[in-house]
Amino acid sequence: MAKCKFEIGAILKDSLTGFTGPVLGRTEYFTGCVHYGLQNTKLEKDGAPQFQYVWFDESRLVDTGKTMKLPNKATAARSGPHPNAPSVS
C-alpha cells in the first residue's frame, strides 16, 4: 500500500468546485483510485450540521495547510463514538 497523499484531519480544497472541508474518510480502490471524504462545515438552513461526507478524487484536491485538531490522537478509540469531538484550528 502506498503512502497517503493527505492525512485524516487535513483541510483540503477541491480545485474544481472550491469546496473546502476536513478529511474524515479515505477510500482506496483496487484500480488504484483514491477518494477522500470531506466533511461539509456549513450548517443546514435550520442550523443543524450536515453529516454527509462529500467524496472527491485525490487528483482534484489541494492542501490548504490547515488541519483539524484531533484530541488524544495516539490514544483515541478505534471504534464507536469518539469521546472527544475534533475541532478546527
N, C-alpha and C. Protein backbone atom coordinates (compact mmCIF):
# COMPACT_ATOMS: atom_id res chain seq x y z
N MET A 1 0.85 -1.17 0.00
CA MET A 1 0.00 0.00 0.00
C MET A 1 0.90 1.24 0.00
N ALA A 2 0.58 2.20 -0.85
CA ALA A 2 1.36 3.43 -0.97
C ALA A 2 1.05 4.38 0.18
N LYS A 3 2.00 5.27 0.45
CA LYS A 3 1.79 6.29 1.47
C LYS A 3 0.67 7.23 1.00
N CYS A 4 -0.16 7.64 1.93
CA CYS A 4 -1.28 8.52 1.60
C CYS A 4 -0.79 9.93 1.32
N LYS A 5 -1.39 10.56 0.32
CA LYS A 5 -1.02 11.93 -0.04
C LYS A 5 -1.48 12.93 1.02
N PHE A 6 -2.67 12.70 1.60
CA PHE A 6 -3.23 13.59 2.61
C PHE A 6 -3.57 12.80 3.86
N GLU A 7 -3.39 13.40 5.01
CA GLU A 7 -3.70 12.76 6.29
C GLU A 7 -5.14 13.03 6.70
N ILE A 8 -5.70 12.13 7.49
CA ILE A 8 -7.01 12.37 8.09
C ILE A 8 -6.88 13.62 8.97
N GLY A 9 -7.83 14.53 8.83
CA GLY A 9 -7.80 15.77 9.60
C GLY A 9 -7.28 16.97 8.81
N ALA A 10 -6.60 16.71 7.67
CA ALA A 10 -6.13 17.83 6.84
C ALA A 10 -7.34 18.54 6.24
N ILE A 11 -7.26 19.85 6.13
CA ILE A 11 -8.34 20.60 5.50
C ILE A 11 -7.94 20.84 4.05
N LEU A 12 -8.75 20.29 3.13
CA LEU A 12 -8.45 20.31 1.71
C LEU A 12 -9.48 21.13 0.95
N LYS A 13 -9.09 21.52 -0.28
CA LYS A 13 -9.98 22.29 -1.16
C LYS A 13 -10.04 21.59 -2.51
N ASP A 14 -11.26 21.43 -3.03
CA ASP A 14 -11.44 20.85 -4.35
C ASP A 14 -11.11 21.92 -5.39
N SER A 15 -10.21 21.62 -6.31
CA SER A 15 -9.74 22.60 -7.29
C SER A 15 -10.81 22.96 -8.33
N LEU A 16 -11.83 22.13 -8.51
CA LEU A 16 -12.88 22.43 -9.50
C LEU A 16 -14.04 23.22 -8.92
N THR A 17 -14.49 22.86 -7.73
CA THR A 17 -15.69 23.49 -7.17
C THR A 17 -15.39 24.50 -6.07
N GLY A 18 -14.20 24.44 -5.49
CA GLY A 18 -13.86 25.31 -4.38
C GLY A 18 -14.34 24.79 -3.04
N PHE A 19 -15.00 23.63 -3.03
CA PHE A 19 -15.49 23.04 -1.78
C PHE A 19 -14.30 22.80 -0.86
N THR A 20 -14.42 23.21 0.40
CA THR A 20 -13.35 23.06 1.38
C THR A 20 -13.88 22.38 2.62
N GLY A 21 -13.10 21.44 3.15
CA GLY A 21 -13.50 20.76 4.38
C GLY A 21 -12.42 19.83 4.87
N PRO A 22 -12.55 19.38 6.11
CA PRO A 22 -11.57 18.45 6.68
C PRO A 22 -11.78 17.02 6.16
N VAL A 23 -10.67 16.30 6.00
CA VAL A 23 -10.72 14.89 5.59
C VAL A 23 -11.16 14.06 6.78
N LEU A 24 -12.28 13.34 6.63
CA LEU A 24 -12.74 12.44 7.67
C LEU A 24 -12.79 11.00 7.20
N GLY A 25 -12.55 10.78 5.91
CA GLY A 25 -12.55 9.42 5.38
C GLY A 25 -11.69 9.32 4.13
N ARG A 26 -11.17 8.12 3.89
CA ARG A 26 -10.34 7.88 2.71
C ARG A 26 -10.66 6.48 2.20
N THR A 27 -10.81 6.36 0.89
CA THR A 27 -11.09 5.07 0.27
C THR A 27 -10.08 4.81 -0.83
N GLU A 28 -9.46 3.65 -0.79
CA GLU A 28 -8.51 3.24 -1.83
C GLU A 28 -9.10 2.05 -2.56
N TYR A 29 -9.19 2.14 -3.88
CA TYR A 29 -9.79 1.09 -4.69
C TYR A 29 -8.73 0.18 -5.30
N PHE A 30 -9.14 -1.00 -5.67
CA PHE A 30 -8.26 -1.99 -6.29
C PHE A 30 -7.61 -1.43 -7.55
N THR A 31 -8.31 -0.56 -8.26
CA THR A 31 -7.81 0.03 -9.51
C THR A 31 -6.75 1.10 -9.27
N GLY A 32 -6.54 1.49 -8.01
CA GLY A 32 -5.54 2.50 -7.70
C GLY A 32 -6.11 3.87 -7.42
N CYS A 33 -7.40 4.06 -7.68
CA CYS A 33 -8.03 5.35 -7.39
C CYS A 33 -8.13 5.55 -5.88
N VAL A 34 -7.91 6.78 -5.44
CA VAL A 34 -8.04 7.13 -4.03
C VAL A 34 -9.00 8.30 -3.93
N HIS A 35 -10.02 8.14 -3.11
CA HIS A 35 -11.00 9.20 -2.88
C HIS A 35 -10.95 9.62 -1.42
N TYR A 36 -11.17 10.90 -1.18
CA TYR A 36 -11.19 11.45 0.17
C TYR A 36 -12.57 12.00 0.47
N GLY A 37 -13.08 11.69 1.65
CA GLY A 37 -14.37 12.19 2.10
C GLY A 37 -14.16 13.43 2.95
N LEU A 38 -14.68 14.56 2.47
CA LEU A 38 -14.56 15.82 3.20
C LEU A 38 -15.88 16.12 3.89
N GLN A 39 -15.80 16.61 5.11
CA GLN A 39 -16.99 16.98 5.88
C GLN A 39 -17.39 18.40 5.49
N ASN A 40 -18.67 18.57 5.21
CA ASN A 40 -19.18 19.91 4.93
C ASN A 40 -19.24 20.68 6.24
N THR A 41 -18.61 21.84 6.30
CA THR A 41 -18.57 22.62 7.55
C THR A 41 -19.70 23.64 7.63
N LYS A 42 -20.50 23.76 6.56
CA LYS A 42 -21.63 24.68 6.59
C LYS A 42 -22.82 24.00 7.25
N LEU A 43 -23.67 24.80 7.87
CA LEU A 43 -24.85 24.28 8.54
C LEU A 43 -26.05 24.27 7.60
N GLU A 44 -27.02 23.41 7.92
CA GLU A 44 -28.29 23.41 7.20
C GLU A 44 -29.01 24.73 7.48
N LYS A 45 -30.08 25.00 6.73
CA LYS A 45 -30.85 26.23 6.93
C LYS A 45 -31.39 26.35 8.35
N ASP A 46 -31.70 25.21 8.97
CA ASP A 46 -32.24 25.24 10.34
C ASP A 46 -31.15 25.26 11.41
N GLY A 47 -29.89 25.36 10.99
CA GLY A 47 -28.78 25.42 11.94
C GLY A 47 -28.18 24.08 12.31
N ALA A 48 -28.74 23.00 11.78
CA ALA A 48 -28.23 21.66 12.07
C ALA A 48 -26.99 21.37 11.22
N PRO A 49 -26.04 20.59 11.76
CA PRO A 49 -24.86 20.23 10.97
C PRO A 49 -25.21 19.27 9.84
N GLN A 50 -24.41 19.31 8.78
CA GLN A 50 -24.56 18.37 7.66
C GLN A 50 -23.61 17.21 7.92
N PHE A 51 -24.15 16.00 7.97
CA PHE A 51 -23.34 14.84 8.35
C PHE A 51 -22.84 14.01 7.17
N GLN A 52 -23.29 14.31 5.95
CA GLN A 52 -22.82 13.53 4.82
C GLN A 52 -21.46 14.03 4.35
N TYR A 53 -20.55 13.10 4.08
CA TYR A 53 -19.26 13.45 3.50
C TYR A 53 -19.47 13.73 2.02
N VAL A 54 -18.62 14.57 1.45
CA VAL A 54 -18.58 14.81 0.02
C VAL A 54 -17.27 14.20 -0.46
N TRP A 55 -17.36 13.26 -1.43
CA TRP A 55 -16.19 12.49 -1.85
C TRP A 55 -15.58 13.08 -3.11
N PHE A 56 -14.24 13.19 -3.12
CA PHE A 56 -13.50 13.74 -4.25
C PHE A 56 -12.31 12.84 -4.58
N ASP A 57 -11.96 12.78 -5.88
CA ASP A 57 -10.76 12.07 -6.29
C ASP A 57 -9.53 12.84 -5.81
N GLU A 58 -8.53 12.09 -5.41
CA GLU A 58 -7.30 12.68 -4.87
C GLU A 58 -6.68 13.72 -5.80
N SER A 59 -6.77 13.50 -7.11
CA SER A 59 -6.13 14.40 -8.08
C SER A 59 -6.75 15.79 -8.11
N ARG A 60 -7.97 15.94 -7.60
CA ARG A 60 -8.66 17.24 -7.60
C ARG A 60 -8.40 18.06 -6.35
N LEU A 61 -7.77 17.47 -5.35
CA LEU A 61 -7.67 18.13 -4.04
C LEU A 61 -6.34 18.86 -3.84
N VAL A 62 -6.44 20.00 -3.14
CA VAL A 62 -5.28 20.83 -2.82
C VAL A 62 -5.25 21.01 -1.30
N ASP A 63 -4.07 20.88 -0.71
CA ASP A 63 -3.92 21.06 0.73
C ASP A 63 -3.94 22.55 1.06
N THR A 64 -4.75 22.96 2.04
CA THR A 64 -4.83 24.37 2.45
C THR A 64 -3.76 24.72 3.48
N GLY A 65 -3.08 23.72 4.00
CA GLY A 65 -2.08 23.95 5.04
C GLY A 65 -2.67 23.97 6.44
N LYS A 66 -3.99 23.83 6.55
CA LYS A 66 -4.66 23.81 7.85
C LYS A 66 -5.00 22.37 8.21
N THR A 67 -5.14 22.10 9.49
CA THR A 67 -5.54 20.78 9.95
C THR A 67 -6.55 20.91 11.08
N MET A 68 -7.32 19.85 11.26
CA MET A 68 -8.22 19.78 12.41
C MET A 68 -7.41 19.37 13.62
N LYS A 69 -7.79 19.87 14.74
CA LYS A 69 -7.16 19.44 15.99
C LYS A 69 -7.83 18.14 16.39
N LEU A 70 -7.05 17.08 16.47
CA LEU A 70 -7.58 15.77 16.84
C LEU A 70 -7.11 15.45 18.25
N PRO A 71 -7.95 15.65 19.26
CA PRO A 71 -7.52 15.41 20.64
C PRO A 71 -7.20 13.94 20.88
N ASN A 72 -6.13 13.71 21.62
CA ASN A 72 -5.73 12.36 22.01
C ASN A 72 -5.60 11.42 20.81
N LYS A 73 -5.01 11.89 19.73
CA LYS A 73 -4.92 11.09 18.51
C LYS A 73 -4.26 9.74 18.75
N ALA A 74 -3.20 9.70 19.56
CA ALA A 74 -2.47 8.45 19.79
C ALA A 74 -3.28 7.45 20.62
N THR A 75 -4.17 7.94 21.47
CA THR A 75 -4.92 7.05 22.35
C THR A 75 -6.41 7.04 22.04
N ALA A 76 -6.79 7.59 20.88
CA ALA A 76 -8.21 7.68 20.53
C ALA A 76 -8.81 6.28 20.35
N ALA A 77 -10.09 6.18 20.64
CA ALA A 77 -10.81 4.92 20.45
C ALA A 77 -10.77 4.53 18.98
N ARG A 78 -10.65 3.25 18.69
CA ARG A 78 -10.58 2.77 17.31
C ARG A 78 -11.95 2.44 16.74
N SER A 79 -12.98 2.43 17.57
CA SER A 79 -14.33 2.18 17.07
C SER A 79 -15.33 2.83 18.01
N GLY A 80 -16.56 2.92 17.55
CA GLY A 80 -17.60 3.53 18.36
C GLY A 80 -17.51 5.04 18.36
N PRO A 81 -18.35 5.69 19.14
CA PRO A 81 -18.34 7.16 19.16
C PRO A 81 -17.04 7.68 19.76
N HIS A 82 -16.54 8.74 19.20
CA HIS A 82 -15.29 9.33 19.67
C HIS A 82 -15.56 10.12 20.95
N PRO A 83 -14.77 9.89 22.01
CA PRO A 83 -15.02 10.56 23.28
C PRO A 83 -14.75 12.06 23.25
N ASN A 84 -13.90 12.52 22.33
CA ASN A 84 -13.58 13.95 22.21
C ASN A 84 -13.82 14.39 20.77
N ALA A 85 -14.82 15.23 20.56
CA ALA A 85 -15.12 15.69 19.20
C ALA A 85 -13.98 16.57 18.69
N PRO A 86 -13.56 16.41 17.41
CA PRO A 86 -12.50 17.23 16.86
C PRO A 86 -12.97 18.66 16.64
N SER A 87 -12.01 19.59 16.56
CA SER A 87 -12.33 20.98 16.29
C SER A 87 -11.36 21.51 15.25
N VAL A 88 -11.74 22.55 14.52
CA VAL A 88 -10.90 23.16 13.50
C VAL A 88 -10.01 24.20 14.17
N SER A 89 -8.72 24.16 13.84
CA SER A 89 -7.80 25.15 14.42
C SER A 89 -7.25 26.04 13.34
